[in-house]
Amino acid sequence: MDPTHQAGRTGQAERGSRRTGGEPDRAGDPRRALPKVDSLLAHPRLVERLGVWGRPLLTTMARRALDEARASLAGGGQPPPLDALAGAVSDALDRLTSGRVRAVVNATGVVLHTNLGRAPLSAQALEAVKAAAGYSTVEFDLTTGERGKRGSTVSALLRELTGAEAALAVNNAAAALMLILGAFARDREVIVSRGELVEIGGEFRIPSILEAAGANLVEVGATNRTHLADYASAIGKRTALILVVHPSNYRIEGFTAQPALADLVELAGAHRLPLVHDLGSGLLRGRLGDEPALDESLSAGVDLAVFSGDKLFGGPQAGLVVGRGELVARLARHPIARAVRIDKLTLAALEATLLTHLSGRPDDLPVLRMLAVPLDELRRRAERLATGLGERAKVREGTGVVGGGSLPTERLPSVVVEITPLGLTETAVVSGLRAADPPVIVRAERGRVLVDLRTVPPEQDDLVLRSLQEIMSAR
């Protein structure tokens, strides 16, 4: 016999002997019972998700689920059924994507709902965002064919709308305040009334913003009463500016005092100091509770006024600064200005919102339209919704709020649909509505579910009704 052939047979026998003697046969390995990735993705529970989320993401999730199953088997576990593996992939995908930004129906009656994105954009702003999403003239001058200046149109429109010498837009009001403090008050002192050291959303506080900007806070007055003399006695060689902050998310009532804004402007001017007014909500003019209006602030002579773009102004998230030309120019040149500049989509939405204000069509802005909706209209819509729900629903008087840290003590008279969830708990109804497509966000109160249509566009009334009917019929 050929020696080479004999050696091959001997090697095969030795390998067979080793396998028999100790190492388990791969044919008996429980890991071989696990499906291949393609077989797992063919499960009916995942086929539809493939069309939504695509094969690469689902493949990654499937491989991760199979790896976890192999690790479990190595520890002595049993092979999971195919349904269980598909469920694990589906659940992992839900955990990954459940927090993504989605459109919801706001049926809470809170107009500027911070958790739901505050002001909804107007139709004009949405069209502008869509147009700007591709290539756009964010920094391009069509007249000269050369590089343009970002935000120049927003600044021009803000000047036209407010009558201010100059204007600048950044990504939010806190960023605008940070820019002002960094540009004018680093390593210097800023005078603020103790009653205005507010905490805004996300546990951000005015003193923290000053500290982050490198400014030194000088508190004056008491929590409930601050006098002009308190400001005057605090002014020194290291004073950079006087900051007035509207406490938009709380109220102190009773024995209170605060100098008139015009008096503070005169005091600051006598000491050649800028007076910065952080108004907060962006009310342009007129009266709405105790909310200060921008036109009154500018008429009082403040040097810089700061307000939000996504509250009562009715536009996208932005921090808007208007005031003296030389001060705004210094802000625009400061290095922080680039770090807090707004993107092209926000620019487009802000331009459209400003043009809506300038055109004198406030009803085109959803926020202003919601605030002004007549009670008779709300009652008519509420009665139709209640009729569709039957005996479990009734219409009653209610109240809403502006929200968004604006007008904390003001209540909006409203009409609500009160639903008694027969056979269900209010928690089950509320969570069921959140799971609808699109999700519907409502309020729960003392075992009842409350639907306030003030914040629901009329064309979505039927959607709210269908979602409620589906949940009620599932009891």
Protein backbone atom coordinates (compact mmCIF):
# COMPACT_ATOMS: atom_id res chain seq x y z
CA MET A 1 0.00 0.00 0.00
CA ASP A 2 1.14 3.53 -0.78
CA PRO A 3 2.75 4.93 2.44
CA THR A 4 1.15 8.30 1.86
CA HIS A 5 -2.29 6.73 1.58
CA GLN A 6 -1.64 4.64 4.69
CA ALA A 7 -0.60 7.77 6.64
CA GLY A 8 -3.82 9.53 5.60
CA ARG A 9 -5.94 6.64 6.85
CA THR A 10 -4.01 6.60 10.09
CA GLY A 11 -4.58 10.35 10.59
CA GLN A 12 -8.30 10.00 10.00
CA ALA A 13 -8.49 7.20 12.53
CA GLU A 14 -6.62 9.21 15.11
CA ARG A 15 -8.93 12.22 14.63
CA GLY A 16 -11.97 9.96 14.95
CA SER A 17 -10.51 8.43 18.08
CA ARG A 18 -9.95 11.86 19.65
CA ARG A 19 -13.54 12.94 18.85
CA THR A 20 -14.94 9.77 20.33
CA GLY A 21 -12.73 9.93 23.36
CA GLY A 22 -13.66 13.36 24.76
CA GLU A 23 -14.67 16.31 22.52
CA PRO A 24 -18.42 16.39 21.76
CA ASP A 25 -19.60 15.77 18.23
CA ARG A 26 -20.57 19.06 16.49
CA ALA A 27 -23.68 17.31 15.24
CA GLY A 28 -24.92 17.31 18.83
CA ASP A 29 -24.03 20.94 19.57
CA PRO A 30 -27.26 22.74 20.63
CA ARG A 31 -26.01 25.91 18.93
CA ARG A 32 -26.62 24.21 15.59
CA ALA A 33 -30.35 24.43 16.38
CA LEU A 34 -30.23 28.22 16.11
CA PRO A 35 -31.57 29.62 12.83
CA LYS A 36 -29.48 31.47 10.28
CA VAL A 37 -29.85 35.23 10.14
CA ASP A 38 -31.86 35.12 6.89
CA SER A 39 -34.25 32.57 8.37
CA LEU A 40 -34.79 34.74 11.43
CA LEU A 41 -35.44 37.84 9.32
CA ALA A 42 -38.04 35.89 7.33
CA HIS A 43 -40.20 35.55 10.46
CA PRO A 44 -43.60 37.26 9.91
CA ARG A 45 -43.04 39.54 12.91
CA LEU A 46 -39.92 41.00 11.26
CA VAL A 47 -40.87 41.06 7.58
CA GLU A 48 -42.95 44.24 7.92
CA ARG A 49 -40.24 45.89 9.96
CA LEU A 50 -37.72 45.16 7.24
CA GLY A 51 -39.72 47.38 4.93
CA VAL A 52 -39.71 50.22 7.47
CA TRP A 53 -36.24 50.06 8.99
CA GLY A 54 -34.21 48.30 6.28
CA ARG A 55 -32.11 45.15 6.21
CA PRO A 56 -28.81 46.50 7.64
CA LEU A 57 -30.33 47.56 10.98
CA LEU A 58 -32.50 44.43 11.31
CA THR A 59 -29.51 42.23 10.42
CA THR A 60 -27.45 43.81 13.19
CA MET A 61 -30.27 43.26 15.67
CA ALA A 62 -30.74 39.66 14.54
CA ARG A 63 -27.05 38.84 14.87
CA ARG A 64 -27.02 40.38 18.34
CA ALA A 65 -30.00 38.25 19.39
CA LEU A 66 -28.32 35.11 18.03
CA ASP A 67 -25.06 35.95 19.81
CA GLU A 68 -26.96 36.30 23.09
CA ALA A 69 -28.67 32.97 22.48
CA ARG A 70 -25.29 31.27 21.83
CA ALA A 71 -23.91 32.72 25.06
CA SER A 72 -26.94 31.38 26.92
CA LEU A 73 -26.47 27.92 25.40
CA ALA A 74 -22.82 27.90 26.39
CA GLY A 75 -23.99 28.42 29.96
CA GLY A 76 -26.27 25.42 29.78
CA GLY A 77 -29.47 27.06 28.53
CA GLN A 78 -31.96 25.68 26.03
CA PRO A 79 -32.30 26.80 22.38
CA PRO A 80 -34.97 29.54 22.23
CA PRO A 81 -37.94 29.07 19.86
CA LEU A 82 -37.91 31.02 16.61
CA ASP A 83 -40.84 33.15 17.84
CA ALA A 84 -38.88 34.12 20.93
CA LEU A 85 -35.85 35.14 18.87
CA ALA A 86 -38.03 37.23 16.56
CA GLY A 87 -39.61 38.83 19.61
CA ALA A 88 -36.19 39.66 21.02
CA VAL A 89 -35.20 41.38 17.76
CA SER A 90 -38.49 43.28 17.65
CA ASP A 91 -38.18 44.39 21.28
CA ALA A 92 -34.59 45.53 20.77
CA LEU A 93 -35.67 47.60 17.78
CA ASP A 94 -38.45 49.18 19.84
CA ARG A 95 -36.01 50.12 22.60
CA LEU A 96 -33.67 51.71 20.08
CA THR A 97 -36.29 53.72 18.20
CA SER A 98 -39.03 54.45 20.74
CA GLY A 99 -37.49 57.77 21.77
CA ARG A 100 -37.21 59.18 18.26
CA VAL A 101 -38.95 62.45 17.43
CA ARG A 102 -42.45 61.71 16.17
CA ALA A 103 -45.50 63.77 15.34
CA VAL A 104 -48.20 63.62 18.04
CA VAL A 105 -51.67 65.05 18.52
CA ASN A 106 -51.64 67.45 21.47
CA ALA A 107 -55.06 67.17 23.12
CA THR A 108 -53.91 68.48 26.51
CA GLY A 109 -54.95 72.11 26.04
CA VAL A 110 -51.40 73.25 26.90
CA VAL A 111 -50.59 75.50 23.96
CA LEU A 112 -46.82 75.80 24.44
CA HIS A 113 -46.20 72.27 25.68
CA THR A 114 -42.45 72.16 26.32
CA ASN A 115 -42.25 68.36 26.16
CA LEU A 116 -44.12 68.37 22.85
CA GLY A 117 -41.91 70.96 21.16
CA ARG A 118 -43.67 74.20 22.15
CA ALA A 119 -44.93 76.23 19.17
CA PRO A 120 -46.04 74.20 16.15
CA LEU A 121 -44.80 75.74 12.92
CA SER A 122 -47.08 77.48 10.48
CA ALA A 123 -47.81 76.02 7.05
CA GLN A 124 -45.58 78.70 5.52
CA ALA A 125 -42.72 77.79 7.85
CA LEU A 126 -43.10 74.09 7.04
CA GLU A 127 -42.93 74.83 3.32
CA ALA A 128 -39.84 76.97 3.86
CA VAL A 129 -38.14 74.18 5.83
CA LYS A 130 -38.90 71.68 3.08
CA ALA A 131 -37.49 74.02 0.44
CA ALA A 132 -34.32 74.65 2.46
CA ALA A 133 -33.68 70.98 3.25
CA GLY A 134 -31.65 70.48 0.08
CA TYR A 135 -29.10 72.90 -1.33
CA SER A 136 -30.11 76.42 -0.33
CA THR A 137 -28.81 79.98 -0.14
CA VAL A 138 -27.83 79.75 3.52
CA GLU A 139 -24.54 81.57 2.82
CA PHE A 140 -24.77 82.42 -0.87
CA ASP A 141 -25.67 85.73 -2.53
CA LEU A 142 -27.63 85.13 -5.73
CA THR A 143 -27.05 88.71 -6.89
CA THR A 144 -23.26 88.67 -6.76
CA GLY A 145 -22.67 84.93 -7.00
CA GLU A 146 -20.37 85.21 -4.02
CA ARG A 147 -20.51 84.12 -0.39
CA GLY A 148 -23.39 85.65 1.54
CA LYS A 149 -23.88 86.30 5.23
CA ARG A 150 -25.80 83.71 7.22
CA GLY A 151 -28.91 85.12 8.88
CA SER A 152 -28.79 88.50 7.16
CA THR A 153 -32.43 88.26 6.04
CA VAL A 154 -33.59 87.24 9.51
CA SER A 155 -31.77 90.23 10.98
CA ALA A 156 -33.30 92.59 8.40
CA LEU A 157 -36.81 91.23 9.01
CA LEU A 158 -36.39 91.47 12.79
CA ARG A 159 -35.30 95.10 12.45
CA GLU A 160 -38.31 95.80 10.25
CA LEU A 161 -40.69 94.08 12.65
CA THR A 162 -39.39 95.58 15.89
CA GLY A 163 -37.95 98.92 14.83
CA ALA A 164 -34.68 98.08 16.60
CA GLU A 165 -31.33 99.29 15.24
CA ALA A 166 -29.95 95.77 14.88
CA ALA A 167 -30.89 92.15 15.44
CA LEU A 168 -29.27 88.74 15.75
CA ALA A 169 -30.65 85.20 15.95
CA VAL A 170 -28.96 82.27 17.71
CA ASN A 171 -30.15 78.78 18.61
CA ASN A 172 -32.08 79.56 21.81
CA ALA A 173 -32.62 82.28 24.40
CA ALA A 174 -30.23 80.75 26.93
CA ALA A 175 -27.52 80.77 24.25
CA ALA A 176 -28.31 84.41 23.48
CA LEU A 177 -27.86 85.31 27.15
CA MET A 178 -24.64 83.30 27.32
CA LEU A 179 -23.33 85.17 24.27
CA ILE A 180 -24.19 88.56 25.77
CA LEU A 181 -22.55 87.75 29.08
CA GLY A 182 -19.47 86.29 27.41
CA ALA A 183 -19.08 89.30 25.14
CA PHE A 184 -19.64 92.06 27.72
CA ALA A 185 -19.20 90.68 31.23
CA ARG A 186 -16.46 88.05 31.36
CA ASP A 187 -14.49 88.54 34.61
CA ARG A 188 -16.78 91.43 35.49
CA GLU A 189 -19.96 91.91 37.50
CA VAL A 190 -23.59 91.61 36.45
CA ILE A 191 -26.32 93.07 38.69
CA VAL A 192 -29.52 91.00 38.99
CA SER A 193 -32.46 91.22 41.39
CA ARG A 194 -32.74 88.23 43.75
CA GLY A 195 -36.34 87.77 42.67
CA GLU A 196 -35.19 87.18 39.09
CA LEU A 197 -32.65 84.40 39.67
CA VAL A 198 -34.98 81.91 38.06
CA GLU A 199 -34.50 78.30 37.10
CA ILE A 200 -35.57 77.52 33.54
CA GLY A 201 -36.20 74.09 32.00
CA GLY A 202 -33.75 71.26 32.53
CA GLU A 203 -32.53 72.67 35.88
CA PHE A 204 -30.62 75.50 34.19
CA ARG A 205 -30.44 78.55 36.43
CA ILE A 206 -29.58 82.16 35.73
CA PRO A 207 -26.64 82.08 38.21
CA SER A 208 -25.30 78.97 36.47
CA ILE A 209 -25.43 80.68 33.07
CA LEU A 210 -23.55 83.67 34.47
CA GLU A 211 -20.94 81.39 35.99
CA ALA A 212 -20.50 79.45 32.75
CA ALA A 213 -20.04 82.71 30.84
CA GLY A 214 -17.33 83.82 33.27
CA ALA A 215 -19.39 86.66 34.77
CA ASN A 216 -19.70 87.43 38.48
CA LEU A 217 -23.21 87.68 39.86
CA VAL A 218 -24.13 90.57 42.14
CA GLU A 219 -27.52 89.92 43.76
CA VAL A 220 -29.53 92.94 44.87
CA GLY A 221 -32.71 93.40 46.86
CA ALA A 222 -34.79 90.70 48.50
CA THR A 223 -36.71 87.86 46.95
CA ASN A 224 -39.97 89.81 46.94
CA ARG A 225 -38.83 93.46 46.93
CA THR A 226 -36.04 95.19 45.05
CA HIS A 227 -35.70 98.98 44.86
CA LEU A 228 -33.90 101.28 42.46
CA ALA A 229 -31.55 102.23 45.29
CA ASP A 230 -30.47 98.58 45.57
CA TYR A 231 -29.27 98.64 41.98
CA ALA A 232 -27.61 102.04 42.39
CA SER A 233 -25.64 101.02 45.48
CA ALA A 234 -24.36 97.87 43.76
CA ILE A 235 -22.80 99.67 40.79
CA GLY A 236 -19.02 99.76 40.97
CA LYS A 237 -15.88 99.84 38.83
CA ARG A 238 -16.23 96.17 37.87
CA THR A 239 -19.89 96.39 36.88
CA ALA A 240 -20.40 95.31 33.26
CA LEU A 241 -24.18 95.53 32.87
CA ILE A 242 -27.56 95.38 34.57
CA LEU A 243 -29.65 92.32 33.72
CA VAL A 244 -33.44 92.28 34.10
CA VAL A 245 -34.98 88.81 33.80
CA HIS A 246 -38.73 88.36 33.50
CA PRO A 247 -39.65 85.49 35.89
CA SER A 248 -41.94 83.92 33.31
CA ASN A 249 -42.41 80.54 35.00
CA TYR A 250 -43.49 81.71 38.48
CA ARG A 251 -45.09 84.63 40.30
CA ILE A 252 -44.48 86.29 43.66
CA GLU A 253 -47.61 87.99 44.93
CA GLY A 254 -48.41 90.17 47.92
CA PHE A 255 -45.80 92.48 49.42
CA THR A 256 -43.65 92.99 46.30
CA ALA A 257 -41.76 95.79 44.58
CA GLN A 258 -39.64 96.16 41.44
CA PRO A 259 -38.36 99.36 39.80
CA ALA A 260 -39.96 100.43 36.54
CA LEU A 261 -37.96 99.34 33.53
CA ALA A 262 -37.59 102.96 32.33
CA ASP A 263 -36.05 103.93 35.69
CA LEU A 264 -33.51 101.13 35.42
CA VAL A 265 -32.69 102.23 31.87
CA GLU A 266 -32.06 105.77 33.14
CA LEU A 267 -29.87 104.49 35.97
CA ALA A 268 -27.83 102.28 33.63
CA GLY A 269 -27.42 105.11 31.13
CA ALA A 270 -26.20 107.51 33.82
CA HIS A 271 -23.39 105.05 34.55
CA ARG A 272 -22.76 104.24 30.85
CA LEU A 273 -23.81 100.62 31.41
CA PRO A 274 -25.90 98.46 29.06
CA LEU A 275 -29.26 97.29 30.35
CA VAL A 276 -30.21 93.84 29.07
CA HIS A 277 -33.85 92.72 29.29
CA ASP A 278 -34.57 88.99 29.05
CA LEU A 279 -38.28 88.98 28.23
CA GLY A 280 -38.61 85.25 27.70
CA SER A 281 -41.79 84.52 25.77
CA GLY A 282 -41.58 86.72 22.67
CA LEU A 283 -44.86 88.63 22.98
CA LEU A 284 -44.41 91.36 20.39
CA ARG A 285 -47.07 93.81 21.50
CA GLY A 286 -50.34 94.17 23.38
CA ARG A 287 -51.30 92.59 26.69
CA LEU A 288 -51.44 88.94 27.67
CA GLY A 289 -51.62 88.62 31.43
CA ASP A 290 -48.45 89.92 33.07
CA GLU A 291 -46.24 88.97 30.14
CA PRO A 292 -44.02 91.91 29.06
CA ALA A 293 -44.28 92.97 25.43
CA LEU A 294 -41.23 93.63 23.29
CA ASP A 295 -42.47 96.99 22.01
CA GLU A 296 -42.79 98.28 25.59
CA SER A 297 -39.28 97.09 26.42
CA LEU A 298 -37.79 98.86 23.41
CA SER A 299 -39.84 101.99 24.10
CA ALA A 300 -38.40 102.05 27.62
CA GLY A 301 -34.96 102.27 26.00
CA VAL A 302 -33.33 98.95 26.89
CA ASP A 303 -30.01 98.41 25.17
CA LEU A 304 -30.60 94.75 24.34
CA ALA A 305 -33.78 92.69 24.50
CA VAL A 306 -33.71 88.88 24.40
CA PHE A 307 -36.66 86.58 23.71
CA SER A 308 -37.53 83.09 22.45
CA GLY A 309 -38.61 82.28 18.92
CA ASP A 310 -40.65 79.18 19.82
CA LYS A 311 -43.04 80.56 22.45
CA LEU A 312 -45.55 83.36 21.89
CA PHE A 313 -43.56 84.45 18.85
CA GLY A 314 -44.88 81.29 17.19
CA GLY A 315 -41.79 80.11 15.33
CA PRO A 316 -38.92 77.62 15.64
CA GLN A 317 -36.56 77.31 18.59
CA ALA A 318 -34.30 80.36 18.51
CA GLY A 319 -32.89 83.10 20.71
CA LEU A 320 -33.61 86.53 19.26
CA VAL A 321 -31.61 89.62 20.27
CA VAL A 322 -32.59 93.14 19.23
CA GLY A 323 -31.22 96.50 20.30
CA ARG A 324 -28.37 98.97 19.87
CA GLY A 325 -26.39 98.55 16.69
CA GLU A 326 -22.86 98.63 18.10
CA LEU A 327 -23.73 96.10 20.82
CA VAL A 328 -25.34 93.64 18.40
CA ALA A 329 -22.36 94.01 16.06
CA ARG A 330 -20.01 93.04 18.89
CA LEU A 331 -22.15 90.00 19.61
CA ALA A 332 -22.07 88.92 15.96
CA ARG A 333 -18.26 89.10 15.92
CA HIS A 334 -17.77 87.17 19.15
CA PRO A 335 -16.39 83.60 18.87
CA ILE A 336 -19.35 82.22 20.83
CA ALA A 337 -21.66 83.49 18.08
CA ARG A 338 -20.48 80.76 15.71
CA ALA A 339 -20.92 78.09 18.37
CA VAL A 340 -24.56 79.07 18.90
CA ARG A 341 -25.56 79.97 15.34
CA ILE A 342 -28.74 78.53 13.88
CA ASP A 343 -28.89 75.96 11.08
CA LYS A 344 -30.44 76.42 7.65
CA LEU A 345 -33.76 74.76 8.53
CA THR A 346 -34.28 77.04 11.53
CA LEU A 347 -33.30 80.04 9.41
CA ALA A 348 -35.90 79.14 6.81
CA ALA A 349 -38.65 78.61 9.41
CA LEU A 350 -37.73 81.84 11.20
CA GLU A 351 -37.79 83.87 7.98
CA ALA A 352 -41.25 82.51 7.17
CA THR A 353 -42.51 83.27 10.70
CA LEU A 354 -41.18 86.83 10.54
CA LEU A 355 -42.83 87.38 7.16
CA THR A 356 -46.12 86.13 8.61
CA HIS A 357 -45.87 88.67 11.43
CA LEU A 358 -45.00 91.43 9.00
CA SER A 359 -47.87 90.52 6.68
CA GLY A 360 -50.39 91.06 9.49
CA ARG A 361 -51.80 87.50 9.37
CA PRO A 362 -51.54 86.30 12.99
CA ASP A 363 -54.10 83.54 12.38
CA ASP A 364 -51.54 81.83 10.14
CA LEU A 365 -49.47 81.13 13.26
CA PRO A 366 -50.91 78.08 15.08
CA VAL A 367 -50.02 79.38 18.56
CA LEU A 368 -51.84 82.68 18.13
CA ARG A 369 -54.76 80.92 16.45
CA MET A 370 -55.10 78.46 19.35
CA LEU A 371 -54.98 81.20 21.95
CA ALA A 372 -57.76 83.08 20.17
CA VAL A 373 -60.13 80.20 19.30
CA PRO A 374 -63.71 81.10 20.40
CA LEU A 375 -65.29 79.05 23.17
CA ASP A 376 -68.39 78.46 21.02
CA GLU A 377 -66.24 76.75 18.42
CA LEU A 378 -64.53 74.62 21.04
CA ARG A 379 -67.91 73.62 22.49
CA ARG A 380 -69.28 72.61 19.09
CA ARG A 381 -66.27 70.41 18.37
CA ALA A 382 -66.29 68.93 21.89
CA GLU A 383 -69.98 68.01 21.63
CA ARG A 384 -69.38 66.23 18.36
CA LEU A 385 -66.53 64.24 19.92
CA ALA A 386 -68.61 63.37 22.97
CA THR A 387 -71.52 62.22 20.79
CA GLY A 388 -69.19 59.83 19.00
CA LEU A 389 -68.10 58.29 22.32
CA GLY A 390 -71.58 57.79 23.75
CA GLU A 391 -72.61 57.68 27.40
CA ARG A 392 -69.08 57.55 28.76
CA ALA A 393 -68.30 61.11 27.59
CA LYS A 394 -69.68 64.50 28.56
CA VAL A 395 -68.79 68.09 27.77
CA ARG A 396 -67.94 70.52 30.56
CA GLU A 397 -66.20 73.80 31.17
CA GLY A 398 -62.47 73.55 31.74
CA THR A 399 -59.23 75.48 31.73
CA GLY A 400 -56.05 75.30 29.74
CA VAL A 401 -52.69 77.02 30.12
CA VAL A 402 -50.32 78.80 27.78
CA GLY A 403 -47.36 76.69 28.94
CA GLY A 404 -43.74 76.94 27.87
CA GLY A 405 -42.80 78.88 30.99
CA SER A 406 -45.21 81.68 30.08
CA LEU A 407 -48.05 83.15 32.15
CA PRO A 408 -47.81 80.71 35.08
CA THR A 409 -50.86 82.10 36.89
CA GLU A 410 -53.05 82.64 33.83
CA ARG A 411 -55.73 80.11 32.90
CA LEU A 412 -57.39 79.85 29.51
CA PRO A 413 -61.14 79.27 29.71
CA SER A 414 -61.86 76.19 27.66
CA VAL A 415 -64.32 73.39 26.97
CA VAL A 416 -63.20 69.81 27.55
CA VAL A 417 -64.54 66.35 26.91
CA GLU A 418 -64.52 64.36 30.15
CA ILE A 419 -64.42 60.60 29.57
CA THR A 420 -65.29 57.97 32.15
CA PRO A 421 -63.31 54.89 31.02
CA LEU A 422 -65.98 52.22 31.71
CA GLY A 423 -64.27 48.87 32.21
CA LEU A 424 -60.84 50.47 31.92
CA THR A 425 -58.62 52.64 34.07
CA GLU A 426 -57.70 56.13 33.02
CA THR A 427 -54.07 54.93 32.93
CA ALA A 428 -54.97 52.27 30.37
CA VAL A 429 -56.74 54.80 28.17
CA VAL A 430 -53.94 57.37 28.38
CA SER A 431 -51.22 54.80 27.63
CA GLY A 432 -53.34 53.32 24.83
CA LEU A 433 -53.63 56.73 23.21
CA ARG A 434 -49.88 57.18 23.47
CA ALA A 435 -49.47 53.89 21.59
CA ALA A 436 -51.79 55.00 18.77
CA ASP A 437 -50.49 56.03 15.35
CA PRO A 438 -50.04 58.94 15.58
CA PRO A 439 -49.89 59.11 19.38
CA VAL A 440 -52.58 61.21 21.05
CA ILE A 441 -51.55 62.98 24.26
CA VAL A 442 -54.33 63.78 26.76
CA ARG A 443 -54.73 64.59 30.46
CA ALA A 444 -55.93 62.38 33.30
CA GLU A 445 -57.64 63.77 36.38
CA ARG A 446 -59.33 61.97 39.28
CA GLY A 447 -60.06 58.80 37.34
CA ARG A 448 -61.26 60.65 34.23
CA VAL A 449 -59.64 61.28 30.87
CA LEU A 450 -59.78 64.90 29.66
CA VAL A 451 -59.55 65.92 26.01
CA ASP A 452 -59.09 69.63 25.25
CA LEU A 453 -59.44 70.35 21.54
CA ARG A 454 -57.98 73.85 21.79
CA THR A 455 -54.58 72.44 20.83
CA VAL A 456 -55.93 70.01 18.21
CA PRO A 457 -56.25 71.23 14.61
CA PRO A 458 -59.91 70.77 13.58
CA GLU A 459 -58.90 68.41 10.77
CA GLN A 460 -57.57 65.99 13.42
CA ASP A 461 -60.80 65.76 15.43
CA ASP A 462 -61.86 62.58 13.64
CA LEU A 463 -58.46 61.02 14.28
CA VAL A 464 -58.83 61.65 18.02
CA LEU A 465 -62.33 60.19 17.96
CA ARG A 466 -61.23 57.02 16.13
CA SER A 467 -58.31 56.47 18.49
CA LEU A 468 -60.58 56.78 21.52
CA GLN A 469 -63.23 54.50 20.00
CA GLU A 470 -60.66 51.79 19.26
CA ILE A 471 -59.34 51.83 22.83
CA MET A 472 -62.83 51.86 24.38
CA SER A 473 -64.02 48.99 22.19
CA ALA A 474 -61.05 46.85 23.28
CA ARG A 475 -62.19 46.65 26.92
